[in-house]
C-alpha atoms as a PDB file:
ATOM      1  CA  MET A   1      45.455 113.217  80.934  1.00  0.00           C
ATOM      2  CA  ASN A   2      48.734 110.741  82.268  1.00  0.00           C
ATOM      3  CA  TRP A   3      48.011 106.264  82.124  1.00  0.00           C
ATOM      4  CA  LEU A   4      49.934 103.511  84.006  1.00  0.00           C
ATOM      5  CA  SER A   5      49.772 101.002  81.459  1.00  0.00           C
ATOM      6  CA  PRO A   6      51.466  98.076  82.956  1.00  0.00           C
ATOM      7  CA  SER A   7      52.951  95.777  80.956  1.00  0.00           C
ATOM      8  CA  ILE A   8      51.764  92.218  81.886  1.00  0.00           C
ATOM      9  CA  LEU A   9      55.255  90.707  80.164  1.00  0.00           C
ATOM     10  CA  ALA A  10      57.406  91.818  83.730  1.00  0.00           C
ATOM     11  CA  ALA A  11      53.581  89.497  85.706  1.00  0.00           C
ATOM     12  CA  ASP A  12      53.812  86.091  87.952  1.00  0.00           C
ATOM     13  CA  PHE A  13      51.347  83.457  85.365  1.00  0.00           C
ATOM     14  CA  ASN A  14      51.208  81.211  87.838  1.00  0.00           C
ATOM     15  CA  ARG A  15      49.156  84.285  90.195  1.00  0.00           C
ATOM     16  CA  LEU A  16      48.315  86.884  86.688  1.00  0.00           C
ATOM     17  CA  GLY A  17      44.606  86.828  87.559  1.00  0.00           C
ATOM     18  CA  GLU A  18      45.545  88.042  91.157  1.00  0.00           C
ATOM     19  CA  GLN A  19      48.315  90.722  89.919  1.00  0.00           C
ATOM     20  CA  ILE A  20      45.774  92.152  87.366  1.00  0.00           C
ATOM     21  CA  ARG A  21      43.499  93.206  89.340  1.00  0.00           C
ATOM     22  CA  ILE A  22      45.643  93.693  91.948  1.00  0.00           C
ATOM     23  CA  VAL A  23      46.992  97.189  89.481  1.00  0.00           C
ATOM     24  CA  ARG A  24      43.314  97.742  88.118  1.00  0.00           C
ATOM     25  CA  ASP A  25      41.837  98.220  91.741  1.00  0.00           C
ATOM     26  CA  CYS A  26      45.133 100.893  92.140  1.00  0.00           C
ATOM     27  CA  GLY A  27      43.693 102.519  89.574  1.00  0.00           C
ATOM     28  CA  ALA A  28      46.008 101.756  86.233  1.00  0.00           C
ATOM     29  CA  HIS A  29      44.196 102.802  82.920  1.00  0.00           C
ATOM     30  CA  ALA A  30      45.545 100.001  81.026  1.00  0.00           C
ATOM     31  CA  LEU A  31      47.464  96.638  80.481  1.00  0.00           C
ATOM     32  CA  HIS A  32      50.603  96.002  78.149  1.00  0.00           C
ATOM     33  CA  PHE A  33      50.379  93.204  76.348  1.00  0.00           C
ATOM     34  CA  ASP A  34      53.710  92.372  74.454  1.00  0.00           C
ATOM     35  CA  VAL A  35      53.763  89.774  71.637  1.00  0.00           C
ATOM     36  CA  MET A  36      56.065  88.667  70.192  1.00  0.00           C
ATOM     37  CA  ASP A  37      56.991  86.279  67.140  1.00  0.00           C
ATOM     38  CA  GLY A  38      60.805  85.057  67.495  1.00  0.00           C
ATOM     39  CA  MET A  39      61.179  86.850  64.353  1.00  0.00           C
ATOM     40  CA  PHE A  40      61.044  90.322  64.620  1.00  0.00           C
ATOM     41  CA  VAL A  41      61.856  90.407  67.924  1.00  0.00           C
ATOM     42  CA  PRO A  42      64.330  86.816  69.871  1.00  0.00           C
ATOM     43  CA  SER A  43      61.529  86.233  71.788  1.00  0.00           C
ATOM     44  CA  ILE A  44      58.609  85.065  72.030  1.00  0.00           C
ATOM     45  CA  SER A  45      55.419  85.829  74.070  1.00  0.00           C
ATOM     46  CA  PHE A  46      51.725  85.247  74.087  1.00  0.00           C
ATOM     47  CA  GLY A  47      49.097  85.326  71.888  1.00  0.00           C
ATOM     48  CA  MET A  48      45.736  85.689  71.067  1.00  0.00           C
ATOM     49  CA  PRO A  49      44.615  82.912  74.183  1.00  0.00           C
ATOM     50  CA  VAL A  50      45.856  84.239  76.000  1.00  0.00           C
ATOM     51  CA  LEU A  51      44.782  87.864  75.862  1.00  0.00           C
ATOM     52  CA  ALA A  52      41.130  86.283  74.863  1.00  0.00           C
ATOM     53  CA  SER A  53      41.358  84.814  78.807  1.00  0.00           C
ATOM     54  CA  ILE A  54      42.199  88.015  80.072  1.00  0.00           C
ATOM     55  CA  ARG A  55      39.402  90.041  79.285  1.00  0.00           C
ATOM     56  CA  LYS A  56      37.337  87.528  80.484  1.00  0.00           C
ATOM     57  CA  GLU A  57      38.163  89.296  83.378  1.00  0.00           C
ATOM     58  CA  THR A  58      38.554  92.382  83.464  1.00  0.00           C
ATOM     59  CA  ASP A  59      37.942  96.479  81.755  1.00  0.00           C
ATOM     60  CA  LEU A  60      41.249  97.629  81.386  1.00  0.00           C
ATOM     61  CA  LEU A  61      42.039  98.925  78.497  1.00  0.00           C
ATOM     62  CA  MET A  62      43.791  96.476  76.082  1.00  0.00           C
ATOM     63  CA  ASP A  63      46.935  97.700  74.826  1.00  0.00           C
ATOM     64  CA  VAL A  64      48.280  95.749  72.040  1.00  0.00           C
ATOM     65  CA  HIS A  65      52.063  96.231  71.361  1.00  0.00           C
ATOM     66  CA  LEU A  66      52.712  93.598  68.640  1.00  0.00           C
ATOM     67  CA  MET A  67      56.274  92.858  68.479  1.00  0.00           C
ATOM     68  CA  VAL A  68      55.765  90.732  64.660  1.00  0.00           C
ATOM     69  CA  ARG A  69      56.343  90.748  61.031  1.00  0.00           C
ATOM     70  CA  GLU A  70      53.839  91.397  59.264  1.00  0.00           C
ATOM     71  CA  PRO A  71      51.277  92.306  61.859  1.00  0.00           C
ATOM     72  CA  ILE A  72      48.147  92.626  59.308  1.00  0.00           C
ATOM     73  CA  ARG A  73      48.025  89.473  59.834  1.00  0.00           C
ATOM     74  CA  TYR A  74      46.512  89.141  62.875  1.00  0.00           C
ATOM     75  CA  VAL A  75      44.991  92.354  63.544  1.00  0.00           C
ATOM     76  CA  ASP A  76      41.519  90.620  62.957  1.00  0.00           C
ATOM     77  CA  ASP A  77      42.284  87.732  65.416  1.00  0.00           C
ATOM     78  CA  PHE A  78      42.877  90.095  67.794  1.00  0.00           C
ATOM     79  CA  VAL A  79      40.131  92.353  68.231  1.00  0.00           C
ATOM     80  CA  LYS A  80      38.267  89.127  67.641  1.00  0.00           C
ATOM     81  CA  SER A  81      40.307  87.566  71.115  1.00  0.00           C
ATOM     82  CA  GLY A  82      39.666  91.421  73.410  1.00  0.00           C
ATOM     83  CA  ALA A  83      42.331  94.401  71.772  1.00  0.00           C
ATOM     84  CA  ASP A  84      40.667  98.066  72.563  1.00  0.00           C
ATOM     85  CA  LEU A  85      44.482  99.652  70.745  1.00  0.00           C
ATOM     86  CA  ILE A  86      47.171  97.489  69.149  1.00  0.00           C
ATOM     87  CA  THR A  87      50.778  98.802  67.862  1.00  0.00           C
ATOM     88  CA  VAL A  88      52.092  98.717  65.057  1.00  0.00           C
ATOM     89  CA  HIS A  89      55.952  99.166  64.201  1.00  0.00           C
ATOM     90  CA  TYR A  90      57.028 101.118  62.009  1.00  0.00           C
ATOM     91  CA  GLU A  91      59.774  98.580  60.807  1.00  0.00           C
ATOM     92  CA  ALA A  92      57.669  95.828  60.937  1.00  0.00           C
ATOM     93  CA  CYS A  93      55.156  96.762  57.602  1.00  0.00           C
ATOM     94  CA  VAL A  94      56.038  95.959  54.508  1.00  0.00           C
ATOM     95  CA  ASN A  95      52.432  98.934  54.262  1.00  0.00           C
ATOM     96  CA  VAL A  96      52.406 101.247  56.846  1.00  0.00           C
ATOM     97  CA  MET A  97      49.909 103.329  55.334  1.00  0.00           C
ATOM     98  CA  GLN A  98      47.362  99.727  54.958  1.00  0.00           C
ATOM     99  CA  THR A  99      48.622  98.362  58.115  1.00  0.00           C
ATOM    100  CA  ILE A 100      47.753 101.616  60.290  1.00  0.00           C
ATOM    101  CA  LEU A 101      43.839 101.451  58.388  1.00  0.00           C
ATOM    102  CA  ALA A 102      43.271  97.949  58.293  1.00  0.00           C
ATOM    103  CA  VAL A 103      43.381  97.837  62.259  1.00  0.00           C
ATOM    104  CA  ARG A 104      41.290 101.520  61.437  1.00  0.00           C
ATOM    105  CA  GLU A 105      38.369  99.166  59.536  1.00  0.00           C
ATOM    106  CA  ALA A 106      38.472  96.554  62.509  1.00  0.00           C
ATOM    107  CA  GLY A 107      37.201  99.114  64.914  1.00  0.00           C
ATOM    108  CA  VAL A 108      39.732  99.613  67.427  1.00  0.00           C
ATOM    109  CA  LYS A 109      42.531 102.242  68.214  1.00  0.00           C
ATOM    110  CA  VAL A 110      46.052 101.759  66.597  1.00  0.00           C
ATOM    111  CA  GLY A 111      48.925 103.246  67.140  1.00  0.00           C
ATOM    112  CA  LEU A 112      52.567 102.905  65.671  1.00  0.00           C
ATOM    113  CA  SER A 113      56.085 102.373  67.374  1.00  0.00           C
ATOM    114  CA  ILE A 114      59.251 103.044  66.460  1.00  0.00           C
ATOM    115  CA  ARG A 115      62.333 100.872  67.977  1.00  0.00           C
ATOM    116  CA  PRO A 116      65.009 103.081  69.493  1.00  0.00           C
ATOM    117  CA  GLU A 117      66.773 102.986  65.713  1.00  0.00           C
ATOM    118  CA  THR A 118      64.408 104.867  63.873  1.00  0.00           C
ATOM    119  CA  PRO A 119      65.285 108.489  63.173  1.00  0.00           C
ATOM    120  CA  VAL A 120      61.433 109.958  64.865  1.00  0.00           C
ATOM    121  CA  SER A 121      61.021 111.442  61.371  1.00  0.00           C
ATOM    122  CA  VAL A 122      59.249 108.978  59.096  1.00  0.00           C
ATOM    123  CA  LEU A 123      56.912 110.009  61.852  1.00  0.00           C
ATOM    124  CA  ARG A 124      55.138 112.321  60.081  1.00  0.00           C
ATOM    125  CA  PRO A 125      53.224 110.809  57.156  1.00  0.00           C
ATOM    126  CA  PHE A 126      50.586 109.097  59.947  1.00  0.00           C
ATOM    127  CA  LEU A 127      50.420 111.020  62.809  1.00  0.00           C
ATOM    128  CA  ASP A 128      46.670 111.743  61.742  1.00  0.00           C
ATOM    129  CA  LYS A 129      46.222 108.475  61.310  1.00  0.00           C
ATOM    130  CA  VAL A 130      46.652 107.654  64.348  1.00  0.00           C
ATOM    131  CA  ASP A 131      45.387 107.363  68.420  1.00  0.00           C
ATOM    132  CA  LEU A 132      49.310 106.645  69.630  1.00  0.00           C
ATOM    133  CA  ILE A 133      53.243 107.520  68.890  1.00  0.00           C
ATOM    134  CA  LEU A 134      54.764 104.700  71.484  1.00  0.00           C
ATOM    135  CA  ILE A 135      58.874 105.237  71.132  1.00  0.00           C
ATOM    136  CA  MET A 136      60.471 102.241  72.454  1.00  0.00           C
ATOM    137  CA  SER A 137      63.126 102.917  74.983  1.00  0.00           C
ATOM    138  CA  VAL A 138      65.000 100.202  75.212  1.00  0.00           C
ATOM    139  CA  ASP A 139      65.826  96.926  72.555  1.00  0.00           C
ATOM    140  CA  PRO A 140      62.488  95.731  71.841  1.00  0.00           C
ATOM    141  CA  GLY A 141      62.624  91.694  73.368  1.00  0.00           C
ATOM    142  CA  PHE A 142      63.068  91.672  76.565  1.00  0.00           C
ATOM    143  CA  GLY A 143      62.291  92.751  79.843  1.00  0.00           C
ATOM    144  CA  GLY A 144      64.361  94.269  82.414  1.00  0.00           C
ATOM    145  CA  GLN A 145      66.311  96.561  80.074  1.00  0.00           C
ATOM    146  CA  LYS A 146      67.923 100.303  80.641  1.00  0.00           C
ATOM    147  CA  LEU A 147      66.210 102.653  79.544  1.00  0.00           C
ATOM    148  CA  MET A 148      68.501 104.531  76.631  1.00  0.00           C
ATOM    149  CA  GLU A 149      68.817 108.346  77.226  1.00  0.00           C
ATOM    150  CA  GLY A 150      68.626 109.353  73.930  1.00  0.00           C
ATOM    151  CA  THR A 151      65.613 108.804  74.306  1.00  0.00           C
ATOM    152  CA  TYR A 152      64.353 112.214  75.592  1.00  0.00           C
ATOM    153  CA  ASP A 153      65.533 113.397  73.008  1.00  0.00           C
ATOM    154  CA  LYS A 154      63.209 111.877  71.077  1.00  0.00           C
ATOM    155  CA  LEU A 155      60.076 112.862  72.593  1.00  0.00           C
ATOM    156  CA  ARG A 156      60.646 116.752  72.563  1.00  0.00           C
ATOM    157  CA  GLU A 157      61.900 116.343  68.795  1.00  0.00           C
ATOM    158  CA  LEU A 158      58.111 113.834  68.660  1.00  0.00           C
ATOM    159  CA  ARG A 159      56.656 117.236  70.500  1.00  0.00           C
ATOM    160  CA  ALA A 160      57.862 119.354  67.678  1.00  0.00           C
ATOM    161  CA  MET A 161      56.965 117.412  64.814  1.00  0.00           C
ATOM    162  CA  MET A 162      53.101 117.338  66.280  1.00  0.00           C
ATOM    163  CA  ALA A 163      52.338 120.447  67.658  1.00  0.00           C
ATOM    164  CA  ASP A 164      54.247 121.132  63.407  1.00  0.00           C
ATOM    165  CA  THR A 165      52.097 118.905  61.452  1.00  0.00           C
ATOM    166  CA  LEU A 166      49.160 118.847  63.994  1.00  0.00           C
ATOM    167  CA  GLY A 167      48.979 122.477  64.829  1.00  0.00           C
ATOM    168  CA  ALA A 168      49.315 121.234  68.813  1.00  0.00           C
ATOM    169  CA  ALA A 169      50.994 120.215  71.174  1.00  0.00           C
ATOM    170  CA  ALA A 170      49.041 118.198  72.972  1.00  0.00           C
ATOM    171  CA  GLY A 171      44.888 117.834  73.303  1.00  0.00           C
ATOM    172  CA  GLU A 172      41.842 116.720  71.230  1.00  0.00           C
ATOM    173  CA  GLY A 173      42.956 114.615  67.488  1.00  0.00           C
ATOM    174  CA  VAL A 174      46.862 113.951  68.846  1.00  0.00           C
ATOM    175  CA  PRO A 175      48.320 111.042  69.448  1.00  0.00           C
ATOM    176  CA  ARG A 176      48.884 109.615  72.771  1.00  0.00           C
ATOM    177  CA  VAL A 177      52.512 109.489  73.381  1.00  0.00           C
ATOM    178  CA  GLU A 178      53.735 106.453  75.088  1.00  0.00           C
ATOM    179  CA  VAL A 179      57.279 105.188  76.099  1.00  0.00           C
ATOM    180  CA  ASP A 180      58.244 101.261  76.407  1.00  0.00           C
ATOM    181  CA  GLY A 181      61.400 100.198  78.033  1.00  0.00           C
ATOM    182  CA  GLY A 182      63.172 100.844  80.923  1.00  0.00           C
ATOM    183  CA  ILE A 183      61.044 103.351  83.005  1.00  0.00           C
ATOM    184  CA  ASN A 184      60.717 102.945  86.763  1.00  0.00           C
ATOM    185  CA  LEU A 185      60.348 106.008  89.399  1.00  0.00           C
ATOM    186  CA  ASP A 186      63.336 107.493  89.429  1.00  0.00           C
ATOM    187  CA  ASN A 187      63.262 108.536  85.729  1.00  0.00           C
ATOM    188  CA  VAL A 188      59.392 108.724  85.149  1.00  0.00           C
ATOM    189  CA  ALA A 189      58.917 112.060  85.884  1.00  0.00           C
ATOM    190  CA  ASP A 190      61.615 113.390  83.382  1.00  0.00           C
ATOM    191  CA  ILE A 191      59.887 110.845  81.021  1.00  0.00           C
ATOM    192  CA  LEU A 192      56.554 112.847  81.837  1.00  0.00           C
ATOM    193  CA  ALA A 193      58.415 116.147  80.780  1.00  0.00           C
ATOM    194  CA  ALA A 194      59.911 114.941  78.099  1.00  0.00           C
ATOM    195  CA  GLY A 195      56.662 115.158  76.267  1.00  0.00           C
ATOM    196  CA  ALA A 196      55.356 111.249  77.418  1.00  0.00           C
ATOM    197  CA  ASP A 197      51.301 110.698  78.350  1.00  0.00           C
ATOM    198  CA  THR A 198      51.387 107.264  78.777  1.00  0.00           C
ATOM    199  CA  ILE A 199      54.032 105.025  80.689  1.00  0.00           C
ATOM    200  CA  VAL A 200      55.043 101.674  79.913  1.00  0.00           C
ATOM    201  CA  ALA A 201      56.421 100.189  83.410  1.00  0.00           C
ATOM    202  CA  GLY A 202      56.676  95.979  83.489  1.00  0.00           C
ATOM    203  CA  SER A 203      59.469  94.937  86.399  1.00  0.00           C
ATOM    204  CA  ALA A 204      59.187  98.799  88.192  1.00  0.00           C
ATOM    205  CA  VAL A 205      55.096  97.856  88.524  1.00  0.00           C
ATOM    206  CA  PHE A 206      55.313  93.804  89.109  1.00  0.00           C
ATOM    207  CA  ARG A 207      58.494  92.955  90.974  1.00  0.00           C
ATOM    208  CA  GLY A 208      57.940  93.395  94.972  1.00  0.00           C
ATOM    209  CA  ASP A 209      54.720  95.215  96.147  1.00  0.00           C
ATOM    210  CA  ILE A 210      52.493  95.952  92.937  1.00  0.00           C
ATOM    211  CA  ALA A 211      49.497  97.329  94.607  1.00  0.00           C
ATOM    212  CA  ASP A 212      52.701 100.264  96.383  1.00  0.00           C
ATOM    213  CA  ASN A 213      54.402 100.315  92.922  1.00  0.00           C
ATOM    214  CA  THR A 214      51.427 100.511  91.349  1.00  0.00           C
ATOM    215  CA  LYS A 215      49.859 103.955  93.295  1.00  0.00           C
ATOM    216  CA  LYS A 216      53.696 105.891  93.482  1.00  0.00           C
ATOM    217  CA  PHE A 217      53.478 105.422  89.849  1.00  0.00           C
ATOM    218  CA  LEU A 218      49.798 107.053  89.686  1.00  0.00           C
ATOM    219  CA  GLU A 219      50.501 109.256  91.809  1.00  0.00           C
ATOM    220  CA  ILE A 220      53.558 110.287  90.056  1.00  0.00           C
ATOM    221  CA  LEU A 221      51.504 110.622  86.812  1.00  0.00           C
ATOM    222  CA  ALA A 222      49.161 112.693  88.740  1.00  0.00           C
ATOM    223  CA  ARG A 223      51.368 115.198  89.963  1.00  0.00           C
ATOM    224  CA  ASP A 224      52.960 116.045  86.504  1.00  0.00           C
ATOM    225  CA  ALA A 225      49.129 116.456  85.073  1.00  0.00           C
ATOM    226  CA  ALA A 226      48.144 118.887  87.164  1.00  0.00           C
ATOM    227  CA  GLU A 227      51.749 121.123  86.677  1.00  0.00           C
END
């Protein structure tokens, strides 16, 4: 099953509750929650208090993406605030395995992400330890960027590596493959065909008619899953 995880980084925070209800009611599977610390990435976004506030108002899966240095420091706080899935960056952890285990021991699902310049091969030792792999298709830290063309090859390489390492290209026990950055209605079908099954979209969902945008994404995701 393909998932849509709209990124609230692109939402209007003056109408955040309303906009979250729209994507939920239209059938979105999760909410993507980008946490930036101004050190691992240049921008600063939001943190635990915002997550805790959202958690009170929605039952959507909270897909928390920690773009912060040494994310192990914050795992327990984000779990207490309502995270269902915490994704950390390979490049941000002094000890990647220890960080993955800390998320797992905190009782939520764990994801591992790589920046565009990081080779897919670094993920191999962790494929059987995580629930999700996040391929960044733009430089992390800013919304509204254009998807990098090399993303398609990275997705195909990742799927091949998963098949070789885990003995399956998809199915139970295989991490979900999420892509974040520059995804829109014109390129999402190609992203799915290359190997993604979880789509993060910010501006393409929250700019314009949110309900119509969400429904159109979900139609493409459902069509891909049925093929």
